[in-house]
Amino acid sequence: MVQGIGFRYASEQKAQELGIVGFVRNEPDGSVYIEAEGEEEALNKFVAWCQSGPRGAQIKEVKAVNAAIKNFRDFLIDY
């Protein structure tokens, strides 16, 4: 449950900083879903950041799964 603290906006900023493309969106259950593509080191840093998130976040769990590359062009907030 990370809604209401700007997690999507902070994750967009962090992804752009690390050169990661993909998207982030809120899910109906209150969780946040992210698909991200980039260099392995950058992705590892992004996942590590997601485990703490922005100030005020209380992250209980982060699941990282390898999936097929979709060749995203940017990192966007999906509404």
Foldseek 3Di string as FASTA:
>chain_A
DFPPPCQQVQLQVLCVVLVKAWEWEADPVGDIDTDIDDDPVSVVVSQVCVCPTDPPGDDDDDDDDDDDDPPGDGYYYDD
